[in-house]
Amino acid sequence: MSLSKNKLKYIRSLKEKKYRSEYGTFVAEGNKMVGELLTCMKCQLLVATKDFLQEVDTRNVEEIIEASDSELSQASFLKTPQQVLAVFYQPQSDNDIKPDSELYLALDGIQDPGNLGTIIRLADWYGIKHIFCSIDTADIYNPKTVQATMGALARVTINYVDLAAFLQENKHLPIYGTLLDGKNMYDQDITPNGIIVMGNEGNGIRPEIEKLINKKLYIPNYPVGQATSESLNVAIATAIICAEFRRRCM
């Protein structure tokens, strides 16, 4: 079966959030990415070369189309298409997750899809299994976000929540946040459990969320007092703080 115009139109429509929401699906591309997601997510449509199809388990795939490189180029959102493009069903959110003895990330209004995808990938690297996002955080199923995760969506659960209400419900836990008026993170006691809040790229953590943070941290520049950049990219800041938390717990 070749890739029909209707199928191509459907795939291309998933570049827009309104259609991803309407259909409850999203697009993933690349051999490694799709290979990992096939192990844990239900796949609606798999468009791939013959070589790729010979290497993967396709039992959880509803429809398979063996495609040529030119057909994949027409469907792909990437500048350099790979051997496979897949449409997956969006997993149902698990609203019953109750933070306890683990480390969690909470994202307050992250807007850049690439930053969001990188943070999900970082969470996967540092063994953080759950991320809680404010409602206005970028869509995790944006193609740029999906690609930036490099397959981490297979292992990290993301939930969109009323972030203020969520933190209020969990105020018995250590709630960390990186703030300009925080204390040097390297001098503070930190715990192996709790919630780390990361803020918006331009505005940081909004005031109503900041009020709920009970452990304010600051990532110091070096040397202290020297003129430097105004702030760190949020994904870089997330990497630094997660690395320090994990280092202390090893």
C-alpha atoms as a PDB file:
ATOM      1  CA  MET A   1       0.000   0.000   0.000  1.00  0.00           C
ATOM      2  CA  SER A   2       1.350   3.418  -0.952  1.00  0.00           C
ATOM      3  CA  LEU A   3       0.961   6.605   1.034  1.00  0.00           C
ATOM      4  CA  SER A   4      -2.320   8.144  -0.151  1.00  0.00           C
ATOM      5  CA  LYS A   5      -3.051  11.856  -0.382  1.00  0.00           C
ATOM      6  CA  ASN A   6      -5.584  11.544   2.443  1.00  0.00           C
ATOM      7  CA  LYS A   7      -3.061   9.832   4.711  1.00  0.00           C
ATOM      8  CA  LEU A   8      -0.454  12.443   3.835  1.00  0.00           C
ATOM      9  CA  LYS A   9      -2.921  15.244   4.585  1.00  0.00           C
ATOM     10  CA  TYR A  10      -3.775  13.628   7.927  1.00  0.00           C
ATOM     11  CA  ILE A  11      -0.114  13.290   8.933  1.00  0.00           C
ATOM     12  CA  ARG A  12       0.661  16.874   7.963  1.00  0.00           C
ATOM     13  CA  SER A  13      -2.360  18.145   9.928  1.00  0.00           C
ATOM     14  CA  LEU A  14      -0.781  16.802  13.133  1.00  0.00           C
ATOM     15  CA  LYS A  15       1.744  19.601  13.019  1.00  0.00           C
ATOM     16  CA  GLU A  16      -1.036  21.750  14.533  1.00  0.00           C
ATOM     17  CA  LYS A  17      -2.156  21.343  18.142  1.00  0.00           C
ATOM     18  CA  LYS A  18      -5.878  21.595  17.367  1.00  0.00           C
ATOM     19  CA  TYR A  19      -5.714  18.493  15.180  1.00  0.00           C
ATOM     20  CA  ARG A  20      -3.495  16.596  17.636  1.00  0.00           C
ATOM     21  CA  SER A  21      -6.120  17.323  20.280  1.00  0.00           C
ATOM     22  CA  GLU A  22      -9.007  16.421  17.978  1.00  0.00           C
ATOM     23  CA  TYR A  23      -7.543  13.072  16.929  1.00  0.00           C
ATOM     24  CA  GLY A  24      -5.674  12.282  20.146  1.00  0.00           C
ATOM     25  CA  THR A  25      -2.540  11.380  18.194  1.00  0.00           C
ATOM     26  CA  PHE A  26       0.951  12.723  17.504  1.00  0.00           C
ATOM     27  CA  VAL A  27       3.842  12.187  15.108  1.00  0.00           C
ATOM     28  CA  ALA A  28       7.269  10.765  15.923  1.00  0.00           C
ATOM     29  CA  GLU A  29      10.134  10.298  13.483  1.00  0.00           C
ATOM     30  CA  GLY A  30      13.465   8.526  13.381  1.00  0.00           C
ATOM     31  CA  ASN A  31      14.605   4.930  13.815  1.00  0.00           C
ATOM     32  CA  LYS A  32      15.602   5.165  17.483  1.00  0.00           C
ATOM     33  CA  MET A  33      12.680   7.350  18.522  1.00  0.00           C
ATOM     34  CA  VAL A  34       9.981   5.244  16.880  1.00  0.00           C
ATOM     35  CA  GLY A  35      11.665   2.004  17.913  1.00  0.00           C
ATOM     36  CA  GLU A  36      11.523   3.019  21.586  1.00  0.00           C
ATOM     37  CA  LEU A  37       7.955   4.330  21.467  1.00  0.00           C
ATOM     38  CA  LEU A  38       6.718   1.152  19.758  1.00  0.00           C
ATOM     39  CA  THR A  39       7.605  -0.766  22.945  1.00  0.00           C
ATOM     40  CA  CYS A  40       5.241   1.231  25.151  1.00  0.00           C
ATOM     41  CA  MET A  41       2.685   3.177  23.091  1.00  0.00           C
ATOM     42  CA  LYS A  42      -0.092   2.134  20.750  1.00  0.00           C
ATOM     43  CA  CYS A  43       0.718   3.043  17.162  1.00  0.00           C
ATOM     44  CA  GLN A  44      -2.038   4.034  14.760  1.00  0.00           C
ATOM     45  CA  LEU A  45       0.063   4.313  11.616  1.00  0.00           C
ATOM     46  CA  LEU A  46       3.611   3.289  10.756  1.00  0.00           C
ATOM     47  CA  VAL A  47       5.111   4.640   7.531  1.00  0.00           C
ATOM     48  CA  ALA A  48       8.553   3.164   6.946  1.00  0.00           C
ATOM     49  CA  THR A  49      11.023   1.722   4.520  1.00  0.00           C
ATOM     50  CA  LYS A  50      11.219  -2.013   3.968  1.00  0.00           C
ATOM     51  CA  ASP A  51      14.550  -2.180   5.806  1.00  0.00           C
ATOM     52  CA  PHE A  52      13.109  -0.588   8.941  1.00  0.00           C
ATOM     53  CA  LEU A  53      10.029  -2.814   8.936  1.00  0.00           C
ATOM     54  CA  GLN A  54      12.232  -5.890   8.889  1.00  0.00           C
ATOM     55  CA  GLU A  55      13.959  -4.803  12.106  1.00  0.00           C
ATOM     56  CA  VAL A  56      11.064  -3.934  14.458  1.00  0.00           C
ATOM     57  CA  ASP A  57       8.165  -5.628  16.207  1.00  0.00           C
ATOM     58  CA  THR A  58       4.984  -4.282  14.619  1.00  0.00           C
ATOM     59  CA  ARG A  59       2.392  -6.238  16.610  1.00  0.00           C
ATOM     60  CA  ASN A  60       1.041  -3.087  18.296  1.00  0.00           C
ATOM     61  CA  VAL A  61       0.619  -1.222  15.008  1.00  0.00           C
ATOM     62  CA  GLU A  62      -2.855  -0.760  13.511  1.00  0.00           C
ATOM     63  CA  GLU A  63      -1.752   0.131   9.984  1.00  0.00           C
ATOM     64  CA  ILE A  64       1.570  -0.259   8.197  1.00  0.00           C
ATOM     65  CA  ILE A  65       2.589   1.447   4.966  1.00  0.00           C
ATOM     66  CA  GLU A  66       5.846   0.496   3.288  1.00  0.00           C
ATOM     67  CA  ALA A  67       7.063   3.763   1.839  1.00  0.00           C
ATOM     68  CA  SER A  68       9.803   5.021  -0.426  1.00  0.00           C
ATOM     69  CA  ASP A  69      12.278   7.696   0.609  1.00  0.00           C
ATOM     70  CA  SER A  70      10.430  10.247  -1.529  1.00  0.00           C
ATOM     71  CA  GLU A  71       7.103   9.455   0.162  1.00  0.00           C
ATOM     72  CA  LEU A  72       8.691   9.823   3.582  1.00  0.00           C
ATOM     73  CA  SER A  73      10.134  13.175   2.503  1.00  0.00           C
ATOM     74  CA  GLN A  74       6.647  14.412   1.617  1.00  0.00           C
ATOM     75  CA  ALA A  75       5.251  13.389   5.030  1.00  0.00           C
ATOM     76  CA  SER A  76       8.192  14.325   7.222  1.00  0.00           C
ATOM     77  CA  PHE A  77       8.464  17.408   9.441  1.00  0.00           C
ATOM     78  CA  LEU A  78      12.267  17.054   9.461  1.00  0.00           C
ATOM     79  CA  LYS A  79      14.772  18.699   7.121  1.00  0.00           C
ATOM     80  CA  THR A  80      16.485  15.329   6.756  1.00  0.00           C
ATOM     81  CA  PRO A  81      13.833  12.572   6.882  1.00  0.00           C
ATOM     82  CA  GLN A  82      14.821   9.170   8.230  1.00  0.00           C
ATOM     83  CA  GLN A  83      13.534   5.676   7.507  1.00  0.00           C
ATOM     84  CA  VAL A  84      10.342   5.899   9.526  1.00  0.00           C
ATOM     85  CA  LEU A  85       7.497   8.158  10.578  1.00  0.00           C
ATOM     86  CA  ALA A  86       4.818   6.981  13.000  1.00  0.00           C
ATOM     87  CA  VAL A  87       1.513   8.266  14.327  1.00  0.00           C
ATOM     88  CA  PHE A  88       0.958   7.265  17.966  1.00  0.00           C
ATOM     89  CA  TYR A  89      -2.054   7.595  20.223  1.00  0.00           C
ATOM     90  CA  GLN A  90      -1.526  10.075  23.043  1.00  0.00           C
ATOM     91  CA  PRO A  91      -1.411   8.192  26.372  1.00  0.00           C
ATOM     92  CA  GLN A  92      -4.089   9.040  28.902  1.00  0.00           C
ATOM     93  CA  SER A  93      -2.890  11.282  31.732  1.00  0.00           C
ATOM     94  CA  ASP A  94      -2.586   9.598  35.120  1.00  0.00           C
ATOM     95  CA  ASN A  95      -4.151  12.111  37.485  1.00  0.00           C
ATOM     96  CA  ASP A  96      -3.895   9.689  40.408  1.00  0.00           C
ATOM     97  CA  ILE A  97      -0.131  10.134  40.792  1.00  0.00           C
ATOM     98  CA  LYS A  98       0.611  11.316  44.320  1.00  0.00           C
ATOM     99  CA  PRO A  99       4.156  12.622  44.870  1.00  0.00           C
ATOM    100  CA  ASP A 100       5.894  10.813  47.721  1.00  0.00           C
ATOM    101  CA  SER A 101       9.450   9.602  48.106  1.00  0.00           C
ATOM    102  CA  GLU A 102      10.715  10.424  44.616  1.00  0.00           C
ATOM    103  CA  LEU A 103      12.085  13.520  42.922  1.00  0.00           C
ATOM    104  CA  TYR A 104       9.708  15.325  40.554  1.00  0.00           C
ATOM    105  CA  LEU A 105       9.892  18.250  38.154  1.00  0.00           C
ATOM    106  CA  ALA A 106       7.217  20.945  37.886  1.00  0.00           C
ATOM    107  CA  LEU A 107       7.280  23.307  34.910  1.00  0.00           C
ATOM    108  CA  ASP A 108       5.716  26.746  35.200  1.00  0.00           C
ATOM    109  CA  GLY A 109       4.863  28.101  31.760  1.00  0.00           C
ATOM    110  CA  ILE A 110       7.741  26.710  29.676  1.00  0.00           C
ATOM    111  CA  GLN A 111       6.994  27.953  26.148  1.00  0.00           C
ATOM    112  CA  ASP A 112       9.752  26.750  23.849  1.00  0.00           C
ATOM    113  CA  PRO A 113       9.076  23.240  22.464  1.00  0.00           C
ATOM    114  CA  GLY A 114      12.797  22.518  22.225  1.00  0.00           C
ATOM    115  CA  ASN A 115      13.366  23.462  25.865  1.00  0.00           C
ATOM    116  CA  LEU A 116      10.470  21.275  26.948  1.00  0.00           C
ATOM    117  CA  GLY A 117      11.736  18.283  24.981  1.00  0.00           C
ATOM    118  CA  THR A 118      15.251  18.727  26.351  1.00  0.00           C
ATOM    119  CA  ILE A 119      13.925  18.891  29.919  1.00  0.00           C
ATOM    120  CA  ILE A 120      11.993  15.642  29.381  1.00  0.00           C
ATOM    121  CA  ARG A 121      15.197  14.057  28.073  1.00  0.00           C
ATOM    122  CA  LEU A 122      17.100  15.359  31.120  1.00  0.00           C
ATOM    123  CA  ALA A 123      14.454  13.935  33.441  1.00  0.00           C
ATOM    124  CA  ASP A 124      14.900  10.561  31.788  1.00  0.00           C
ATOM    125  CA  TRP A 125      18.695  10.763  32.196  1.00  0.00           C
ATOM    126  CA  TYR A 126      18.443  11.602  35.890  1.00  0.00           C
ATOM    127  CA  GLY A 127      15.790   9.022  36.692  1.00  0.00           C
ATOM    128  CA  ILE A 128      12.909  11.460  37.188  1.00  0.00           C
ATOM    129  CA  LYS A 129       9.794   9.582  36.122  1.00  0.00           C
ATOM    130  CA  HIS A 130       7.116  12.275  36.429  1.00  0.00           C
ATOM    131  CA  ILE A 131       6.861  15.885  35.281  1.00  0.00           C
ATOM    132  CA  PHE A 132       3.938  18.140  36.210  1.00  0.00           C
ATOM    133  CA  CYS A 133       3.305  21.040  33.825  1.00  0.00           C
ATOM    134  CA  SER A 134       1.183  24.146  34.232  1.00  0.00           C
ATOM    135  CA  ILE A 135      -1.704  24.277  31.766  1.00  0.00           C
ATOM    136  CA  ASP A 136       0.030  26.994  29.722  1.00  0.00           C
ATOM    137  CA  THR A 137       3.236  25.000  29.254  1.00  0.00           C
ATOM    138  CA  ALA A 138       4.015  24.070  25.632  1.00  0.00           C
ATOM    139  CA  ASP A 139       2.401  20.944  24.188  1.00  0.00           C
ATOM    140  CA  ILE A 140       4.541  17.861  24.722  1.00  0.00           C
ATOM    141  CA  TYR A 141       3.241  16.440  21.429  1.00  0.00           C
ATOM    142  CA  ASN A 142       4.482  19.336  19.345  1.00  0.00           C
ATOM    143  CA  PRO A 143       6.755  17.661  16.732  1.00  0.00           C
ATOM    144  CA  LYS A 144       9.731  19.774  17.882  1.00  0.00           C
ATOM    145  CA  THR A 145       9.175  18.710  21.484  1.00  0.00           C
ATOM    146  CA  VAL A 146       8.808  15.046  20.553  1.00  0.00           C
ATOM    147  CA  GLN A 147      12.044  15.088  18.546  1.00  0.00           C
ATOM    148  CA  ALA A 148      13.941  16.879  21.330  1.00  0.00           C
ATOM    149  CA  THR A 149      12.993  14.156  23.823  1.00  0.00           C
ATOM    150  CA  MET A 150      15.000  11.606  21.825  1.00  0.00           C
ATOM    151  CA  GLY A 151      12.655   8.834  22.923  1.00  0.00           C
ATOM    152  CA  ALA A 152      12.388   9.853  26.593  1.00  0.00           C
ATOM    153  CA  LEU A 153       8.586  10.008  26.214  1.00  0.00           C
ATOM    154  CA  ALA A 154       8.742   6.231  26.479  1.00  0.00           C
ATOM    155  CA  ARG A 155       9.878   6.484  30.103  1.00  0.00           C
ATOM    156  CA  VAL A 156       8.742   9.867  31.503  1.00  0.00           C
ATOM    157  CA  THR A 157       5.116  10.630  32.342  1.00  0.00           C
ATOM    158  CA  ILE A 158       3.912  14.186  31.790  1.00  0.00           C
ATOM    159  CA  ASN A 159       0.757  15.597  33.376  1.00  0.00           C
ATOM    160  CA  TYR A 160      -0.796  19.021  32.849  1.00  0.00           C
ATOM    161  CA  VAL A 161      -2.227  20.378  36.098  1.00  0.00           C
ATOM    162  CA  ASP A 162      -3.356  23.511  37.901  1.00  0.00           C
ATOM    163  CA  LEU A 163       0.178  23.997  39.179  1.00  0.00           C
ATOM    164  CA  ALA A 164      -0.683  26.252  42.124  1.00  0.00           C
ATOM    165  CA  ALA A 165      -3.321  23.798  43.351  1.00  0.00           C
ATOM    166  CA  PHE A 166      -0.963  20.869  42.812  1.00  0.00           C
ATOM    167  CA  LEU A 167       1.819  22.458  44.866  1.00  0.00           C
ATOM    168  CA  GLN A 168      -0.631  23.494  47.571  1.00  0.00           C
ATOM    169  CA  GLU A 169      -1.796  19.887  47.863  1.00  0.00           C
ATOM    170  CA  ASN A 170       1.804  18.749  48.237  1.00  0.00           C
ATOM    171  CA  LYS A 171       3.157  21.496  50.516  1.00  0.00           C
ATOM    172  CA  HIS A 172       4.225  18.801  53.007  1.00  0.00           C
ATOM    173  CA  LEU A 173       7.044  17.969  50.564  1.00  0.00           C
ATOM    174  CA  PRO A 174      10.184  20.006  49.959  1.00  0.00           C
ATOM    175  CA  ILE A 175       9.332  22.324  47.056  1.00  0.00           C
ATOM    176  CA  TYR A 176      12.467  23.733  45.432  1.00  0.00           C
ATOM    177  CA  GLY A 177      12.726  26.587  42.992  1.00  0.00           C
ATOM    178  CA  THR A 178      15.616  28.409  41.333  1.00  0.00           C
ATOM    179  CA  LEU A 179      15.256  32.122  42.090  1.00  0.00           C
ATOM    180  CA  LEU A 180      17.527  35.151  41.969  1.00  0.00           C
ATOM    181  CA  ASP A 181      16.924  35.759  45.680  1.00  0.00           C
ATOM    182  CA  GLY A 182      17.516  32.123  46.569  1.00  0.00           C
ATOM    183  CA  LYS A 183      20.443  30.707  48.506  1.00  0.00           C
ATOM    184  CA  ASN A 184      23.526  29.197  46.899  1.00  0.00           C
ATOM    185  CA  MET A 185      22.412  25.682  46.014  1.00  0.00           C
ATOM    186  CA  TYR A 186      25.832  24.240  46.820  1.00  0.00           C
ATOM    187  CA  ASP A 187      25.587  25.429  50.432  1.00  0.00           C
ATOM    188  CA  GLN A 188      22.068  24.144  51.099  1.00  0.00           C
ATOM    189  CA  ASP A 189      20.753  20.842  52.368  1.00  0.00           C
ATOM    190  CA  ILE A 190      18.765  19.094  49.666  1.00  0.00           C
ATOM    191  CA  THR A 191      16.736  15.918  49.827  1.00  0.00           C
ATOM    192  CA  PRO A 192      16.406  12.894  47.529  1.00  0.00           C
ATOM    193  CA  ASN A 193      12.675  13.563  47.310  1.00  0.00           C
ATOM    194  CA  GLY A 194      10.601  16.652  46.573  1.00  0.00           C
ATOM    195  CA  ILE A 195       9.474  18.840  43.697  1.00  0.00           C
ATOM    196  CA  ILE A 196      11.789  21.061  41.655  1.00  0.00           C
ATOM    197  CA  VAL A 197       9.974  23.979  40.021  1.00  0.00           C
ATOM    198  CA  MET A 198      11.434  25.516  36.862  1.00  0.00           C
ATOM    199  CA  GLY A 199      10.011  28.757  35.464  1.00  0.00           C
ATOM    200  CA  ASN A 200       9.190  30.433  32.182  1.00  0.00           C
ATOM    201  CA  GLU A 201      12.055  31.366  29.840  1.00  0.00           C
ATOM    202  CA  GLY A 202      11.490  35.122  30.075  1.00  0.00           C
ATOM    203  CA  ASN A 203       9.590  35.689  33.319  1.00  0.00           C
ATOM    204  CA  GLY A 204      10.805  32.889  35.558  1.00  0.00           C
ATOM    205  CA  ILE A 205       8.498  31.455  38.211  1.00  0.00           C
ATOM    206  CA  ARG A 206       5.264  33.441  38.514  1.00  0.00           C
ATOM    207  CA  PRO A 207       4.535  35.098  41.897  1.00  0.00           C
ATOM    208  CA  GLU A 208       1.637  32.833  42.908  1.00  0.00           C
ATOM    209  CA  ILE A 209       3.852  29.781  42.371  1.00  0.00           C
ATOM    210  CA  GLU A 210       6.860  31.369  44.086  1.00  0.00           C
ATOM    211  CA  LYS A 211       4.791  31.780  47.261  1.00  0.00           C
ATOM    212  CA  LEU A 212       4.458  27.995  47.461  1.00  0.00           C
ATOM    213  CA  ILE A 213       8.192  27.300  47.192  1.00  0.00           C
ATOM    214  CA  ASN A 214       9.681  26.469  50.597  1.00  0.00           C
ATOM    215  CA  LYS A 215      13.262  25.849  49.439  1.00  0.00           C
ATOM    216  CA  LYS A 216      14.589  28.745  47.355  1.00  0.00           C
ATOM    217  CA  LEU A 217      17.832  27.988  45.548  1.00  0.00           C
ATOM    218  CA  TYR A 218      20.224  30.005  43.417  1.00  0.00           C
ATOM    219  CA  ILE A 219      22.690  28.690  40.831  1.00  0.00           C
ATOM    220  CA  PRO A 220      25.778  30.886  41.369  1.00  0.00           C
ATOM    221  CA  ASN A 221      27.932  32.131  38.546  1.00  0.00           C
ATOM    222  CA  TYR A 222      31.722  31.945  38.719  1.00  0.00           C
ATOM    223  CA  PRO A 223      33.531  33.824  40.029  1.00  0.00           C
ATOM    224  CA  VAL A 224      30.906  35.290  42.331  1.00  0.00           C
ATOM    225  CA  GLY A 225      30.332  38.992  41.720  1.00  0.00           C
ATOM    226  CA  GLN A 226      31.750  39.064  38.203  1.00  0.00           C
ATOM    227  CA  ALA A 227      29.584  40.626  35.481  1.00  0.00           C
ATOM    228  CA  THR A 228      27.937  37.826  33.546  1.00  0.00           C
ATOM    229  CA  SER A 229      24.884  36.814  31.526  1.00  0.00           C
ATOM    230  CA  GLU A 230      21.563  37.841  33.029  1.00  0.00           C
ATOM    231  CA  SER A 231      20.298  34.276  33.321  1.00  0.00           C
ATOM    232  CA  LEU A 232      20.683  30.676  32.175  1.00  0.00           C
ATOM    233  CA  ASN A 233      18.590  28.893  29.584  1.00  0.00           C
ATOM    234  CA  VAL A 234      15.914  26.966  31.498  1.00  0.00           C
ATOM    235  CA  ALA A 235      16.988  23.591  30.102  1.00  0.00           C
ATOM    236  CA  ILE A 236      20.603  24.247  31.094  1.00  0.00           C
ATOM    237  CA  ALA A 237      19.504  25.364  34.565  1.00  0.00           C
ATOM    238  CA  THR A 238      17.418  22.190  34.892  1.00  0.00           C
ATOM    239  CA  ALA A 239      20.438  20.075  33.972  1.00  0.00           C
ATOM    240  CA  ILE A 240      22.630  21.808  36.582  1.00  0.00           C
ATOM    241  CA  ILE A 241      20.164  21.499  39.428  1.00  0.00           C
ATOM    242  CA  CYS A 242      19.176  17.890  38.627  1.00  0.00           C
ATOM    243  CA  ALA A 243      22.824  16.910  38.431  1.00  0.00           C
ATOM    244  CA  GLU A 244      23.486  18.390  41.877  1.00  0.00           C
ATOM    245  CA  PHE A 245      20.483  16.631  43.411  1.00  0.00           C
ATOM    246  CA  ARG A 246      21.572  13.291  42.002  1.00  0.00           C
ATOM    247  CA  ARG A 247      25.223  13.844  42.966  1.00  0.00           C
ATOM    248  CA  ARG A 248      24.214  14.382  46.601  1.00  0.00           C
ATOM    249  CA  CYS A 249      22.154  11.193  46.606  1.00  0.00           C
ATOM    250  CA  MET A 250      24.770   8.851  45.137  1.00  0.00           C
END
